[in-house]
Amino acid sequence: MAITKRTEQDKIEVVGEFKNIQVRTATVIEEDGVELSRSFHRHTVAPDADSSGESADVKAMVAQFHTDTVKAAHKKHMEDSAKSME
């Protein structure tokens, strides 16, 4: 009777105008190879986020989608949003 716990990034997707990368990580508990439970954690990587701690797959998507143009547009949007809140 071996109980194991593993995590896997089972969904990585790019969404929205500023190419936010959404990552879903599944935590799977198994007993003798039979899944007992599965839970999920989600997080988003924005164009201005530090992605150094992300997986290789997420880093590859950051390199592809978070271009200088996207980063500049996101920065301007955030600055304009902050000004409108004043």
PDB file of N, CA and C in Angstrom:
ATOM      1  N   MET A   1       0.847  -1.174   0.000  1.00  0.00           N
ATOM      2  CA  MET A   1       0.000   0.000   0.000  1.00  0.00           C
ATOM      3  C   MET A   1       0.894   1.238   0.000  1.00  0.00           C
ATOM      4  N   ALA A   2       1.184   1.744  -1.196  1.00  0.00           N
ATOM      5  CA  ALA A   2       2.036   2.923  -1.326  1.00  0.00           C
ATOM      6  C   ALA A   2       1.193   4.132  -1.712  1.00  0.00           C
ATOM      7  N   ILE A   3       1.280   5.147  -0.881  1.00  0.00           N
ATOM      8  CA  ILE A   3       0.583   6.404  -1.180  1.00  0.00           C
ATOM      9  C   ILE A   3       1.616   7.387  -1.696  1.00  0.00           C
ATOM     10  N   THR A   4       1.314   7.995  -2.843  1.00  0.00           N
ATOM     11  CA  THR A   4       2.227   8.952  -3.449  1.00  0.00           C
ATOM     12  C   THR A   4       1.507  10.267  -3.711  1.00  0.00           C
ATOM     13  N   LYS A   5       2.304  11.317  -3.734  1.00  0.00           N
ATOM     14  CA  LYS A   5       1.793  12.653  -4.046  1.00  0.00           C
ATOM     15  C   LYS A   5       2.696  13.223  -5.128  1.00  0.00           C
ATOM     16  N   ARG A   6       2.075  13.753  -6.165  1.00  0.00           N
ATOM     17  CA  ARG A   6       2.864  14.366  -7.240  1.00  0.00           C
ATOM     18  C   ARG A   6       2.168  15.630  -7.713  1.00  0.00           C
ATOM     19  N   THR A   7       2.940  16.519  -8.299  1.00  0.00           N
ATOM     20  CA  THR A   7       2.374  17.724  -8.890  1.00  0.00           C
ATOM     21  C   THR A   7       2.748  17.766 -10.360  1.00  0.00           C
ATOM     22  N   GLU A   8       1.873  18.351 -11.141  1.00  0.00           N
ATOM     23  CA  GLU A   8       2.132  18.503 -12.575  1.00  0.00           C
ATOM     24  C   GLU A   8       1.426  19.765 -13.066  1.00  0.00           C
ATOM     25  N   GLN A   9       2.099  20.482 -13.930  1.00  0.00           N
ATOM     26  CA  GLN A   9       1.456  21.616 -14.584  1.00  0.00           C
ATOM     27  C   GLN A   9       0.662  21.033 -15.733  1.00  0.00           C
ATOM     28  N   ASP A  10      -0.648  20.950 -15.547  1.00  0.00           N
ATOM     29  CA  ASP A  10      -1.460  20.265 -16.547  1.00  0.00           C
ATOM     30  C   ASP A  10      -2.140  21.208 -17.530  1.00  0.00           C
ATOM     31  N   LYS A  11      -2.026  22.503 -17.281  1.00  0.00           N
ATOM     32  CA  LYS A  11      -2.607  23.446 -18.237  1.00  0.00           C
ATOM     33  C   LYS A  11      -1.810  24.747 -18.183  1.00  0.00           C
ATOM     34  N   ILE A  12      -1.351  25.188 -19.348  1.00  0.00           N
ATOM     35  CA  ILE A  12      -0.666  26.478 -19.486  1.00  0.00           C
ATOM     36  C   ILE A  12      -1.285  27.140 -20.702  1.00  0.00           C
ATOM     37  N   GLU A  13      -1.843  28.333 -20.489  1.00  0.00           N
ATOM     38  CA  GLU A  13      -2.521  28.994 -21.611  1.00  0.00           C
ATOM     39  C   GLU A  13      -2.246  30.490 -21.603  1.00  0.00           C
ATOM     40  N   VAL A  14      -2.329  31.080 -22.770  1.00  0.00           N
ATOM     41  CA  VAL A  14      -2.121  32.513 -22.953  1.00  0.00           C
ATOM     42  C   VAL A  14      -3.483  33.151 -23.175  1.00  0.00           C
ATOM     43  N   VAL A  15      -3.775  34.204 -22.401  1.00  0.00           N
ATOM     44  CA  VAL A  15      -5.082  34.849 -22.496  1.00  0.00           C
ATOM     45  C   VAL A  15      -4.944  36.371 -22.490  1.00  0.00           C
ATOM     46  N   GLY A  16      -5.875  37.010 -23.145  1.00  0.00           N
ATOM     47  CA  GLY A  16      -6.027  38.456 -23.063  1.00  0.00           C
ATOM     48  C   GLY A  16      -5.111  39.263 -23.950  1.00  0.00           C
ATOM     49  N   GLU A  17      -5.419  40.530 -23.955  1.00  0.00           N
ATOM     50  CA  GLU A  17      -4.707  41.510 -24.784  1.00  0.00           C
ATOM     51  C   GLU A  17      -3.218  41.566 -24.466  1.00  0.00           C
ATOM     52  N   PHE A  18      -2.867  41.384 -23.190  1.00  0.00           N
ATOM     53  CA  PHE A  18      -1.471  41.527 -22.774  1.00  0.00           C
ATOM     54  C   PHE A  18      -0.769  40.185 -22.593  1.00  0.00           C
ATOM     55  N   LYS A  19      -1.353  39.141 -23.155  1.00  0.00           N
ATOM     56  CA  LYS A  19      -0.737  37.809 -23.207  1.00  0.00           C
ATOM     57  C   LYS A  19      -0.361  37.283 -21.823  1.00  0.00           C
ATOM     58  N   ASN A  20      -1.274  37.450 -20.856  1.00  0.00           N
ATOM     59  CA  ASN A  20      -1.042  36.861 -19.541  1.00  0.00           C
ATOM     60  C   ASN A  20      -0.979  35.345 -19.693  1.00  0.00           C
ATOM     61  N   ILE A  21      -0.075  34.728 -18.971  1.00  0.00           N
ATOM     62  CA  ILE A  21       0.087  33.280 -19.028  1.00  0.00           C
ATOM     63  C   ILE A  21      -0.510  32.691 -17.756  1.00  0.00           C
ATOM     64  N   GLN A  22      -1.538  31.876 -17.928  1.00  0.00           N
ATOM     65  CA  GLN A  22      -2.204  31.245 -16.796  1.00  0.00           C
ATOM     66  C   GLN A  22      -1.677  29.817 -16.663  1.00  0.00           C
ATOM     67  N   VAL A  23      -1.313  29.470 -15.439  1.00  0.00           N
ATOM     68  CA  VAL A  23      -0.727  28.163 -15.172  1.00  0.00           C
ATOM     69  C   VAL A  23      -1.597  27.438 -14.148  1.00  0.00           C
ATOM     70  N   ARG A  24      -1.996  26.218 -14.472  1.00  0.00           N
ATOM     71  CA  ARG A  24      -2.734  25.394 -13.518  1.00  0.00           C
ATOM     72  C   ARG A  24      -1.846  24.220 -13.120  1.00  0.00           C
ATOM     73  N   THR A  25      -1.655  24.065 -11.818  1.00  0.00           N
ATOM     74  CA  THR A  25      -0.859  22.972 -11.279  1.00  0.00           C
ATOM     75  C   THR A  25      -1.786  22.020 -10.530  1.00  0.00           C
ATOM     76  N   ALA A  26      -1.733  20.757 -10.881  1.00  0.00           N
ATOM     77  CA  ALA A  26      -2.534  19.734 -10.224  1.00  0.00           C
ATOM     78  C   ALA A  26      -1.678  19.010  -9.191  1.00  0.00           C
ATOM     79  N   THR A  27      -2.261  18.787  -8.021  1.00  0.00           N
ATOM     80  CA  THR A  27      -1.649  17.942  -6.998  1.00  0.00           C
ATOM     81  C   THR A  27      -2.467  16.656  -6.960  1.00  0.00           C
ATOM     82  N   VAL A  28      -1.803  15.540  -7.219  1.00  0.00           N
ATOM     83  CA  VAL A  28      -2.486  14.255  -7.333  1.00  0.00           C
ATOM     84  C   VAL A  28      -2.018  13.336  -6.204  1.00  0.00           C
ATOM     85  N   ILE A  29      -2.971  12.775  -5.483  1.00  0.00           N
ATOM     86  CA  ILE A  29      -2.694  11.789  -4.443  1.00  0.00           C
ATOM     87  C   ILE A  29      -3.142  10.425  -4.992  1.00  0.00           C
ATOM     88  N   GLU A  30      -2.221   9.454  -4.949  1.00  0.00           N
ATOM     89  CA  GLU A  30      -2.524   8.121  -5.479  1.00  0.00           C
ATOM     90  C   GLU A  30      -2.168   7.047  -4.443  1.00  0.00           C
ATOM     91  N   GLU A  31      -2.905   5.967  -4.506  1.00  0.00           N
ATOM     92  CA  GLU A  31      -2.592   4.789  -3.699  1.00  0.00           C
ATOM     93  C   GLU A  31      -2.469   3.609  -4.642  1.00  0.00           C
ATOM     94  N   ASP A  32      -1.281   3.035  -4.677  1.00  0.00           N
ATOM     95  CA  ASP A  32      -0.996   1.905  -5.569  1.00  0.00           C
ATOM     96  C   ASP A  32      -1.390   2.206  -7.016  1.00  0.00           C
ATOM     97  N   GLY A  33      -1.103   3.423  -7.444  1.00  0.00           N
ATOM     98  CA  GLY A  33      -1.374   3.812  -8.821  1.00  0.00           C
ATOM     99  C   GLY A  33      -2.800   4.234  -9.109  1.00  0.00           C
ATOM    100  N   VAL A  34      -3.662   4.193  -8.105  1.00  0.00           N
ATOM    101  CA  VAL A  34      -5.062   4.591  -8.285  1.00  0.00           C
ATOM    102  C   VAL A  34      -5.241   5.984  -7.694  1.00  0.00           C
ATOM    103  N   GLU A  35      -5.744   6.906  -8.505  1.00  0.00           N
ATOM    104  CA  GLU A  35      -5.921   8.285  -8.051  1.00  0.00           C
ATOM    105  C   GLU A  35      -7.018   8.369  -6.989  1.00  0.00           C
ATOM    106  N   LEU A  36      -6.655   8.956  -5.848  1.00  0.00           N
ATOM    107  CA  LEU A  36      -7.611   9.161  -4.763  1.00  0.00           C
ATOM    108  C   LEU A  36      -8.168  10.574  -4.757  1.00  0.00           C
ATOM    109  N   SER A  37      -7.309  11.528  -5.081  1.00  0.00           N
ATOM    110  CA  SER A  37      -7.773  12.920  -5.112  1.00  0.00           C
ATOM    111  C   SER A  37      -6.890  13.743  -6.033  1.00  0.00           C
ATOM    112  N   ARG A  38      -7.472  14.849  -6.470  1.00  0.00           N
ATOM    113  CA  ARG A  38      -6.760  15.789  -7.336  1.00  0.00           C
ATOM    114  C   ARG A  38      -7.254  17.177  -6.957  1.00  0.00           C
ATOM    115  N   SER A  39      -6.317  18.078  -6.697  1.00  0.00           N
ATOM    116  CA  SER A  39      -6.686  19.465  -6.408  1.00  0.00           C
ATOM    117  C   SER A  39      -5.847  20.380  -7.304  1.00  0.00           C
ATOM    118  N   PHE A  40      -6.299  21.614  -7.438  1.00  0.00           N
ATOM    119  CA  PHE A  40      -5.667  22.525  -8.385  1.00  0.00           C
ATOM    120  C   PHE A  40      -5.261  23.833  -7.717  1.00  0.00           C
ATOM    121  N   HIS A  41      -4.172  24.386  -8.210  1.00  0.00           N
ATOM    122  CA  HIS A  41      -3.716  25.728  -7.841  1.00  0.00           C
ATOM    123  C   HIS A  41      -3.461  26.450  -9.156  1.00  0.00           C
ATOM    124  N   ARG A  42      -3.883  27.693  -9.211  1.00  0.00           N
ATOM    125  CA  ARG A  42      -3.670  28.481 -10.431  1.00  0.00           C
ATOM    126  C   ARG A  42      -2.903  29.750 -10.102  1.00  0.00           C
ATOM    127  N   HIS A  43      -2.076  30.177 -11.042  1.00  0.00           N
ATOM    128  CA  HIS A  43      -1.436  31.480 -10.931  1.00  0.00           C
ATOM    129  C   HIS A  43      -1.232  32.047 -12.331  1.00  0.00           C
ATOM    130  N   THR A  44      -1.046  33.349 -12.364  1.00  0.00           N
ATOM    131  CA  THR A  44      -0.892  34.060 -13.632  1.00  0.00           C
ATOM    132  C   THR A  44       0.472  34.730 -13.678  1.00  0.00           C
ATOM    133  N   VAL A  45       1.099  34.687 -14.844  1.00  0.00           N
ATOM    134  CA  VAL A  45       2.365  35.370 -15.073  1.00  0.00           C
ATOM    135  C   VAL A  45       2.076  36.529 -16.031  1.00  0.00           C
ATOM    136  N   ALA A  46       2.130  37.739 -15.502  1.00  0.00           N
ATOM    137  CA  ALA A  46       1.883  38.946 -16.295  1.00  0.00           C
ATOM    138  C   ALA A  46       3.168  39.361 -17.012  1.00  0.00           C
ATOM    139  N   PRO A  47       3.054  40.233 -18.020  1.00  0.00           N
ATOM    140  CA  PRO A  47       4.243  40.660 -18.756  1.00  0.00           C
ATOM    141  C   PRO A  47       5.308  41.347 -17.892  1.00  0.00           C
ATOM    142  N   ASP A  48       4.897  41.946 -16.764  1.00  0.00           N
ATOM    143  CA  ASP A  48       5.865  42.627 -15.906  1.00  0.00           C
ATOM    144  C   ASP A  48       6.336  41.761 -14.727  1.00  0.00           C
ATOM    145  N   ALA A  49       5.971  40.488 -14.715  1.00  0.00           N
ATOM    146  CA  ALA A  49       6.308  39.593 -13.604  1.00  0.00           C
ATOM    147  C   ALA A  49       7.714  39.002 -13.764  1.00  0.00           C
ATOM    148  N   ASP A  50       8.305  38.647 -12.635  1.00  0.00           N
ATOM    149  CA  ASP A  50       9.577  37.930 -12.622  1.00  0.00           C
ATOM    150  C   ASP A  50       9.269  36.457 -12.869  1.00  0.00           C
ATOM    151  N   SER A  51       9.739  35.926 -13.969  1.00  0.00           N
ATOM    152  CA  SER A  51       9.432  34.543 -14.317  1.00  0.00           C
ATOM    153  C   SER A  51      10.610  33.604 -14.055  1.00  0.00           C
ATOM    154  N   SER A  52      11.611  34.073 -13.331  1.00  0.00           N
ATOM    155  CA  SER A  52      12.819  33.262 -13.120  1.00  0.00           C
ATOM    156  C   SER A  52      12.549  31.972 -12.347  1.00  0.00           C
ATOM    157  N   GLY A  53      11.509  31.936 -11.528  1.00  0.00           N
ATOM    158  CA  GLY A  53      11.199  30.747 -10.759  1.00  0.00           C
ATOM    159  C   GLY A  53      10.202  29.813 -11.422  1.00  0.00           C
ATOM    160  N   GLU A  54       9.823  30.109 -12.635  1.00  0.00           N
ATOM    161  CA  GLU A  54       8.838  29.298 -13.351  1.00  0.00           C
ATOM    162  C   GLU A  54       9.494  28.080 -14.003  1.00  0.00           C
ATOM    163  N   SER A  55       8.661  27.139 -14.417  1.00  0.00           N
ATOM    164  CA  SER A  55       9.151  25.938 -15.101  1.00  0.00           C
ATOM    165  C   SER A  55       9.704  26.303 -16.485  1.00  0.00           C
ATOM    166  N   ALA A  56      10.429  25.381 -17.064  1.00  0.00           N
ATOM    167  CA  ALA A  56      10.996  25.599 -18.397  1.00  0.00           C
ATOM    168  C   ALA A  56       9.897  25.859 -19.427  1.00  0.00           C
ATOM    169  N   ASP A  57       8.779  25.154 -19.310  1.00  0.00           N
ATOM    170  CA  ASP A  57       7.673  25.350 -20.251  1.00  0.00           C
ATOM    171  C   ASP A  57       7.106  26.766 -20.154  1.00  0.00           C
ATOM    172  N   VAL A  58       6.923  27.246 -18.935  1.00  0.00           N
ATOM    173  CA  VAL A  58       6.381  28.598 -18.751  1.00  0.00           C
ATOM    174  C   VAL A  58       7.402  29.631 -19.228  1.00  0.00           C
ATOM    175  N   LYS A  59       8.666  29.429 -18.915  1.00  0.00           N
ATOM    176  CA  LYS A  59       9.710  30.362 -19.372  1.00  0.00           C
ATOM    177  C   LYS A  59       9.735  30.442 -20.899  1.00  0.00           C
ATOM    178  N   ALA A  60       9.534  29.317 -21.564  1.00  0.00           N
ATOM    179  CA  ALA A  60       9.513  29.313 -23.039  1.00  0.00           C
ATOM    180  C   ALA A  60       8.341  30.142 -23.555  1.00  0.00           C
ATOM    181  N   MET A  61       7.203  30.034 -22.886  1.00  0.00           N
ATOM    182  CA  MET A  61       6.032  30.817 -23.313  1.00  0.00           C
ATOM    183  C   MET A  61       6.242  32.303 -23.024  1.00  0.00           C
ATOM    184  N   VAL A  62       6.869  32.613 -21.900  1.00  0.00           N
ATOM    185  CA  VAL A  62       7.189  34.011 -21.578  1.00  0.00           C
ATOM    186  C   VAL A  62       8.076  34.585 -22.683  1.00  0.00           C
ATOM    187  N   ALA A  63       9.105  33.851 -23.065  1.00  0.00           N
ATOM    188  CA  ALA A  63      10.024  34.321 -24.113  1.00  0.00           C
ATOM    189  C   ALA A  63       9.293  34.548 -25.433  1.00  0.00           C
ATOM    190  N   GLN A  64       8.314  33.701 -25.722  1.00  0.00           N
ATOM    191  CA  GLN A  64       7.594  33.814 -26.991  1.00  0.00           C
ATOM    192  C   GLN A  64       6.564  34.937 -26.976  1.00  0.00           C
ATOM    193  N   PHE A  65       5.804  35.075 -25.892  1.00  0.00           N
ATOM    194  CA  PHE A  65       4.658  35.977 -25.890  1.00  0.00           C
ATOM    195  C   PHE A  65       4.891  37.323 -25.212  1.00  0.00           C
ATOM    196  N   HIS A  66       5.795  37.396 -24.247  1.00  0.00           N
ATOM    197  CA  HIS A  66       6.031  38.665 -23.552  1.00  0.00           C
ATOM    198  C   HIS A  66       7.137  39.443 -24.261  1.00  0.00           C
ATOM    199  N   THR A  67       6.807  39.881 -25.461  1.00  0.00           N
ATOM    200  CA  THR A  67       7.737  40.656 -26.281  1.00  0.00           C
ATOM    201  C   THR A  67       7.865  42.070 -25.714  1.00  0.00           C
ATOM    202  N   ASP A  68       8.849  42.805 -26.211  1.00  0.00           N
ATOM    203  CA  ASP A  68       9.021  44.193 -25.771  1.00  0.00           C
ATOM    204  C   ASP A  68       7.776  45.021 -26.077  1.00  0.00           C
ATOM    205  N   THR A  69       7.134  44.759 -27.190  1.00  0.00           N
ATOM    206  CA  THR A  69       5.911  45.479 -27.565  1.00  0.00           C
ATOM    207  C   THR A  69       4.786  45.206 -26.573  1.00  0.00           C
ATOM    208  N   VAL A  70       4.603  43.940 -26.221  1.00  0.00           N
ATOM    209  CA  VAL A  70       3.564  43.571 -25.251  1.00  0.00           C
ATOM    210  C   VAL A  70       3.878  44.171 -23.881  1.00  0.00           C
ATOM    211  N   LYS A  71       5.135  44.109 -23.465  1.00  0.00           N
ATOM    212  CA  LYS A  71       5.530  44.673 -22.170  1.00  0.00           C
ATOM    213  C   LYS A  71       5.269  46.178 -22.123  1.00  0.00           C
ATOM    214  N   ALA A  72       5.596  46.883 -23.199  1.00  0.00           N
ATOM    215  CA  ALA A  72       5.381  48.339 -23.245  1.00  0.00           C
ATOM    216  C   ALA A  72       3.896  48.670 -23.203  1.00  0.00           C
ATOM    217  N   ALA A  73       3.083  47.928 -23.935  1.00  0.00           N
ATOM    218  CA  ALA A  73       1.635  48.169 -23.938  1.00  0.00           C
ATOM    219  C   ALA A  73       1.039  47.882 -22.561  1.00  0.00           C
ATOM    220  N   HIS A  74       1.493  46.833 -21.914  1.00  0.00           N
ATOM    221  CA  HIS A  74       1.014  46.488 -20.562  1.00  0.00           C
ATOM    222  C   HIS A  74       1.411  47.579 -19.570  1.00  0.00           C
ATOM    223  N   LYS A  75       2.643  48.035 -19.653  1.00  0.00           N
ATOM    224  CA  LYS A  75       3.124  49.092 -18.747  1.00  0.00           C
ATOM    225  C   LYS A  75       2.293  50.352 -18.920  1.00  0.00           C
ATOM    226  N   LYS A  76       2.035  50.744 -20.152  1.00  0.00           N
ATOM    227  CA  LYS A  76       1.226  51.943 -20.410  1.00  0.00           C
ATOM    228  C   LYS A  76      -0.187  51.758 -19.862  1.00  0.00           C
ATOM    229  N   HIS A  77      -0.764  50.599 -20.066  1.00  0.00           N
ATOM    230  CA  HIS A  77      -2.100  50.317 -19.560  1.00  0.00           C
ATOM    231  C   HIS A  77      -2.136  50.431 -18.034  1.00  0.00           C
ATOM    232  N   MET A  78      -1.139  49.869 -17.361  1.00  0.00           N
ATOM    233  CA  MET A  78      -1.092  49.926 -15.898  1.00  0.00           C
ATOM    234  C   MET A  78      -0.915  51.362 -15.411  1.00  0.00           C
ATOM    235  N   GLU A  79      -0.080  52.139 -16.095  1.00  0.00           N
ATOM    236  CA  GLU A  79       0.118  53.547 -15.714  1.00  0.00           C
ATOM    237  C   GLU A  79      -1.166  54.343 -15.920  1.00  0.00           C
ATOM    238  N   ASP A  80      -1.834  54.119 -17.057  1.00  0.00           N
ATOM    239  CA  ASP A  80      -3.092  54.829 -17.330  1.00  0.00           C
ATOM    240  C   ASP A  80      -4.165  54.445 -16.315  1.00  0.00           C
ATOM    241  N   SER A  81      -4.201  53.194 -15.920  1.00  0.00           N
ATOM    242  CA  SER A  81      -5.176  52.723 -14.925  1.00  0.00           C
ATOM    243  C   SER A  81      -4.908  53.377 -13.570  1.00  0.00           C
ATOM    244  N   ALA A  82      -3.638  53.489 -13.209  1.00  0.00           N
ATOM    245  CA  ALA A  82      -3.269  54.105 -11.935  1.00  0.00           C
ATOM    246  C   ALA A  82      -3.653  55.581 -11.925  1.00  0.00           C
ATOM    247  N   LYS A  83      -3.471  56.267 -13.039  1.00  0.00           N
ATOM    248  CA  LYS A  83      -3.827  57.698 -13.127  1.00  0.00           C
ATOM    249  C   LYS A  83      -5.327  57.893 -13.008  1.00  0.00           C
ATOM    250  N   SER A  84      -6.082  56.993 -13.577  1.00  0.00           N
ATOM    251  CA  SER A  84      -7.546  57.138 -13.527  1.00  0.00           C
ATOM    252  C   SER A  84      -8.083  56.884 -12.118  1.00  0.00           C
ATOM    253  N   MET A  85      -7.304  56.232 -11.262  1.00  0.00           N
ATOM    254  CA  MET A  85      -7.728  55.959  -9.896  1.00  0.00           C
ATOM    255  C   MET A  85      -7.456  57.147  -8.965  1.00  0.00           C
ATOM    256  N   GLU A  86      -6.642  58.096  -9.431  1.00  0.00           N
ATOM    257  CA  GLU A  86      -6.268  59.255  -8.588  1.00  0.00           C
ATOM    258  C   GLU A  86      -7.408  60.228  -8.449  1.00  0.00           C
TER     259      GLU A  86
END
